[in-house]
Amino acid sequence: MLNWIGIAAINMAVAVALGAFGAHGLKDIASSQQLEWWHTATLYLFVHALGLLFVGLLIRLRYITQATAWLLQGGVIIFAGSLYAMSLGAPLWFGAITPIGGILMIAGWLWLAVSAFRSNDVAR
């Protein structure tokens, strides 16, 4: 079993580093659109890193399986990664894969809901 708490902590450290880089390293060389993409990517990375920390705890406590974590992590890599890439000058077609990451993140949160309802049914 993967250590999702550790992965979440790494995601949070990366979010801080990339946020700082965007604020200080890109502000004079990137367009306003590129900075907006960078900001959005960093926000979603941060929020989902915190969510993954919570999910990692639930996995550790054996309330849920790893499926939610895989969906969230895959989603944030695709979503934020494609936005970061475009911010650094990658072709705009990278934007076509951004929604795939968003769909995976949505699926991860919905799978957590399904898992929570299932565990509630078992507890009755």
C-alpha atoms as a PDB file:
ATOM      1  CA  MET A   1       0.000   0.000   0.000  1.00  0.00           C
ATOM      2  CA  LEU A   2       1.290   3.431  -0.920  1.00  0.00           C
ATOM      3  CA  ASN A   3       1.915   5.984   1.789  1.00  0.00           C
ATOM      4  CA  TRP A   4      -0.680   8.529   0.704  1.00  0.00           C
ATOM      5  CA  ILE A   5       0.016  10.772   3.685  1.00  0.00           C
ATOM      6  CA  GLY A   6       3.636  11.048   2.554  1.00  0.00           C
ATOM      7  CA  ILE A   7       2.562  11.683  -1.039  1.00  0.00           C
ATOM      8  CA  ALA A   8       0.171  14.393   0.169  1.00  0.00           C
ATOM      9  CA  ALA A   9       2.981  16.040   2.123  1.00  0.00           C
ATOM     10  CA  ILE A  10       5.212  16.013  -0.968  1.00  0.00           C
ATOM     11  CA  ASN A  11       2.360  17.519  -3.002  1.00  0.00           C
ATOM     12  CA  MET A  12       2.017  20.315  -0.444  1.00  0.00           C
ATOM     13  CA  ALA A  13       5.759  21.046  -0.506  1.00  0.00           C
ATOM     14  CA  VAL A  14       5.694  21.110  -4.319  1.00  0.00           C
ATOM     15  CA  ALA A  15       2.670  23.442  -4.248  1.00  0.00           C
ATOM     16  CA  VAL A  16       4.509  25.893  -1.981  1.00  0.00           C
ATOM     17  CA  ALA A  17       7.626  25.777  -4.162  1.00  0.00           C
ATOM     18  CA  LEU A  18       5.705  26.187  -7.415  1.00  0.00           C
ATOM     19  CA  GLY A  19       3.562  28.936  -5.923  1.00  0.00           C
ATOM     20  CA  ALA A  20       6.685  30.830  -4.894  1.00  0.00           C
ATOM     21  CA  PHE A  21       8.249  30.293  -8.306  1.00  0.00           C
ATOM     22  CA  GLY A  22       5.118  31.606  -9.998  1.00  0.00           C
ATOM     23  CA  ALA A  23       4.971  34.649  -7.754  1.00  0.00           C
ATOM     24  CA  HIS A  24       8.653  35.548  -8.005  1.00  0.00           C
ATOM     25  CA  GLY A  25      10.187  33.797 -10.996  1.00  0.00           C
ATOM     26  CA  LEU A  26       7.448  34.216 -13.571  1.00  0.00           C
ATOM     27  CA  LYS A  27       5.916  37.578 -12.716  1.00  0.00           C
ATOM     28  CA  ASP A  28       8.188  39.539 -15.077  1.00  0.00           C
ATOM     29  CA  ILE A  29       8.336  37.076 -17.961  1.00  0.00           C
ATOM     30  CA  ALA A  30       4.884  35.495 -18.192  1.00  0.00           C
ATOM     31  CA  SER A  31       1.711  36.964 -19.621  1.00  0.00           C
ATOM     32  CA  SER A  32      -1.274  37.627 -17.389  1.00  0.00           C
ATOM     33  CA  GLN A  33      -2.959  34.533 -18.899  1.00  0.00           C
ATOM     34  CA  GLN A  34       0.058  32.356 -18.103  1.00  0.00           C
ATOM     35  CA  LEU A  35       0.157  33.681 -14.524  1.00  0.00           C
ATOM     36  CA  GLU A  36      -3.552  32.959 -14.165  1.00  0.00           C
ATOM     37  CA  TRP A  37      -2.999  29.361 -15.328  1.00  0.00           C
ATOM     38  CA  TRP A  38      -0.111  29.036 -12.885  1.00  0.00           C
ATOM     39  CA  HIS A  39      -2.217  30.367 -10.037  1.00  0.00           C
ATOM     40  CA  THR A  40      -5.104  28.002 -10.852  1.00  0.00           C
ATOM     41  CA  ALA A  41      -2.748  25.010 -11.066  1.00  0.00           C
ATOM     42  CA  THR A  42      -1.164  25.872  -7.725  1.00  0.00           C
ATOM     43  CA  LEU A  43      -4.533  26.402  -6.033  1.00  0.00           C
ATOM     44  CA  TYR A  44      -5.856  23.036  -7.206  1.00  0.00           C
ATOM     45  CA  LEU A  45      -2.599  21.305  -6.294  1.00  0.00           C
ATOM     46  CA  PHE A  46      -2.753  22.752  -2.786  1.00  0.00           C
ATOM     47  CA  VAL A  47      -6.424  21.984  -2.191  1.00  0.00           C
ATOM     48  CA  HIS A  48      -6.109  18.439  -3.479  1.00  0.00           C
ATOM     49  CA  ALA A  49      -2.911  17.851  -1.513  1.00  0.00           C
ATOM     50  CA  LEU A  50      -4.815  18.725   1.653  1.00  0.00           C
ATOM     51  CA  GLY A  51      -7.681  16.518   0.521  1.00  0.00           C
ATOM     52  CA  LEU A  52      -5.256  13.701  -0.182  1.00  0.00           C
ATOM     53  CA  LEU A  53      -3.869  14.070   3.331  1.00  0.00           C
ATOM     54  CA  PHE A  54      -7.373  13.507   4.704  1.00  0.00           C
ATOM     55  CA  VAL A  55      -7.942  10.602   2.300  1.00  0.00           C
ATOM     56  CA  GLY A  56      -4.611   9.092   3.351  1.00  0.00           C
ATOM     57  CA  LEU A  57      -5.769   9.137   6.961  1.00  0.00           C
ATOM     58  CA  LEU A  58      -9.029   7.429   5.999  1.00  0.00           C
ATOM     59  CA  ILE A  59      -7.075   4.774   4.103  1.00  0.00           C
ATOM     60  CA  ARG A  60      -4.784   4.253   7.098  1.00  0.00           C
ATOM     61  CA  LEU A  61      -7.834   3.825   9.331  1.00  0.00           C
ATOM     62  CA  ARG A  62      -9.248   1.361   6.790  1.00  0.00           C
ATOM     63  CA  TYR A  63     -12.434   3.332   6.187  1.00  0.00           C
ATOM     64  CA  ILE A  64     -11.845   3.522   2.424  1.00  0.00           C
ATOM     65  CA  THR A  65      -9.721   1.916  -0.275  1.00  0.00           C
ATOM     66  CA  GLN A  66      -6.960   3.584  -2.268  1.00  0.00           C
ATOM     67  CA  ALA A  67      -9.222   4.249  -5.276  1.00  0.00           C
ATOM     68  CA  THR A  68     -10.064   7.794  -4.140  1.00  0.00           C
ATOM     69  CA  ALA A  69      -6.389   8.623  -3.660  1.00  0.00           C
ATOM     70  CA  TRP A  70      -5.428   7.313  -7.096  1.00  0.00           C
ATOM     71  CA  LEU A  71      -8.196   9.328  -8.763  1.00  0.00           C
ATOM     72  CA  LEU A  72      -7.267  12.530  -6.919  1.00  0.00           C
ATOM     73  CA  GLN A  73      -3.544  12.169  -7.517  1.00  0.00           C
ATOM     74  CA  GLY A  74      -3.934  11.291 -11.176  1.00  0.00           C
ATOM     75  CA  GLY A  75      -6.385  14.122 -11.659  1.00  0.00           C
ATOM     76  CA  VAL A  76      -4.226  16.756 -10.038  1.00  0.00           C
ATOM     77  CA  ILE A  77      -1.158  15.658 -11.997  1.00  0.00           C
ATOM     78  CA  ILE A  78      -3.025  15.934 -15.299  1.00  0.00           C
ATOM     79  CA  PHE A  79      -4.980  19.081 -14.407  1.00  0.00           C
ATOM     80  CA  ALA A  80      -2.227  21.113 -12.754  1.00  0.00           C
ATOM     81  CA  GLY A  81       0.506  19.619 -14.919  1.00  0.00           C
ATOM     82  CA  SER A  82      -1.162  20.690 -18.150  1.00  0.00           C
ATOM     83  CA  LEU A  83      -1.731  24.212 -16.806  1.00  0.00           C
ATOM     84  CA  TYR A  84       1.859  24.477 -15.580  1.00  0.00           C
ATOM     85  CA  ALA A  85       3.071  23.274 -18.977  1.00  0.00           C
ATOM     86  CA  MET A  86       1.049  25.896 -20.838  1.00  0.00           C
ATOM     87  CA  SER A  87       2.258  28.553 -18.415  1.00  0.00           C
ATOM     88  CA  LEU A  88       5.817  27.657 -19.394  1.00  0.00           C
ATOM     89  CA  GLY A  89       5.096  27.866 -23.111  1.00  0.00           C
ATOM     90  CA  ALA A  90       3.782  24.413 -24.044  1.00  0.00           C
ATOM     91  CA  PRO A  91       1.356  24.363 -26.977  1.00  0.00           C
ATOM     92  CA  LEU A  92      -2.185  25.424 -26.139  1.00  0.00           C
ATOM     93  CA  TRP A  93      -3.519  21.987 -27.108  1.00  0.00           C
ATOM     94  CA  PHE A  94      -2.346  20.912 -23.633  1.00  0.00           C
ATOM     95  CA  GLY A  95      -5.502  22.694 -22.501  1.00  0.00           C
ATOM     96  CA  ALA A  96      -7.492  19.909 -24.139  1.00  0.00           C
ATOM     97  CA  ILE A  97      -6.251  17.413 -21.548  1.00  0.00           C
ATOM     98  CA  THR A  98      -6.839  19.697 -18.559  1.00  0.00           C
ATOM     99  CA  PRO A  99     -10.524  18.664 -18.268  1.00  0.00           C
ATOM    100  CA  ILE A 100      -9.497  15.005 -18.058  1.00  0.00           C
ATOM    101  CA  GLY A 101      -7.691  15.860 -14.834  1.00  0.00           C
ATOM    102  CA  GLY A 102     -10.739  17.744 -13.606  1.00  0.00           C
ATOM    103  CA  ILE A 103     -12.976  14.769 -14.341  1.00  0.00           C
ATOM    104  CA  LEU A 104     -10.621  12.477 -12.418  1.00  0.00           C
ATOM    105  CA  MET A 105     -10.645  14.829  -9.422  1.00  0.00           C
ATOM    106  CA  ILE A 106     -14.452  14.991  -9.490  1.00  0.00           C
ATOM    107  CA  ALA A 107     -14.554  11.194  -9.747  1.00  0.00           C
ATOM    108  CA  GLY A 108     -12.225  10.924  -6.765  1.00  0.00           C
ATOM    109  CA  TRP A 109     -14.454  13.062  -4.562  1.00  0.00           C
ATOM    110  CA  LEU A 110     -17.567  11.232  -5.734  1.00  0.00           C
ATOM    111  CA  TRP A 111     -15.871   7.896  -5.041  1.00  0.00           C
ATOM    112  CA  LEU A 112     -15.125   9.123  -1.530  1.00  0.00           C
ATOM    113  CA  ALA A 113     -18.833   9.921  -1.136  1.00  0.00           C
ATOM    114  CA  VAL A 114     -19.816   6.462  -2.386  1.00  0.00           C
ATOM    115  CA  SER A 115     -17.276   4.880  -0.034  1.00  0.00           C
ATOM    116  CA  ALA A 116     -18.610   6.916   2.905  1.00  0.00           C
ATOM    117  CA  PHE A 117     -22.198   5.914   2.198  1.00  0.00           C
ATOM    118  CA  ARG A 118     -21.193   2.272   1.819  1.00  0.00           C
ATOM    119  CA  SER A 119     -19.282   2.256   5.099  1.00  0.00           C
ATOM    120  CA  ASN A 120     -22.273   3.898   6.774  1.00  0.00           C
ATOM    121  CA  ASP A 121     -24.516   1.083   5.501  1.00  0.00           C
ATOM    122  CA  VAL A 122     -22.114  -1.523   6.870  1.00  0.00           C
ATOM    123  CA  ALA A 123     -22.063   0.137  10.291  1.00  0.00           C
ATOM    124  CA  ARG A 124     -25.839  -0.146  10.704  1.00  0.00           C
END
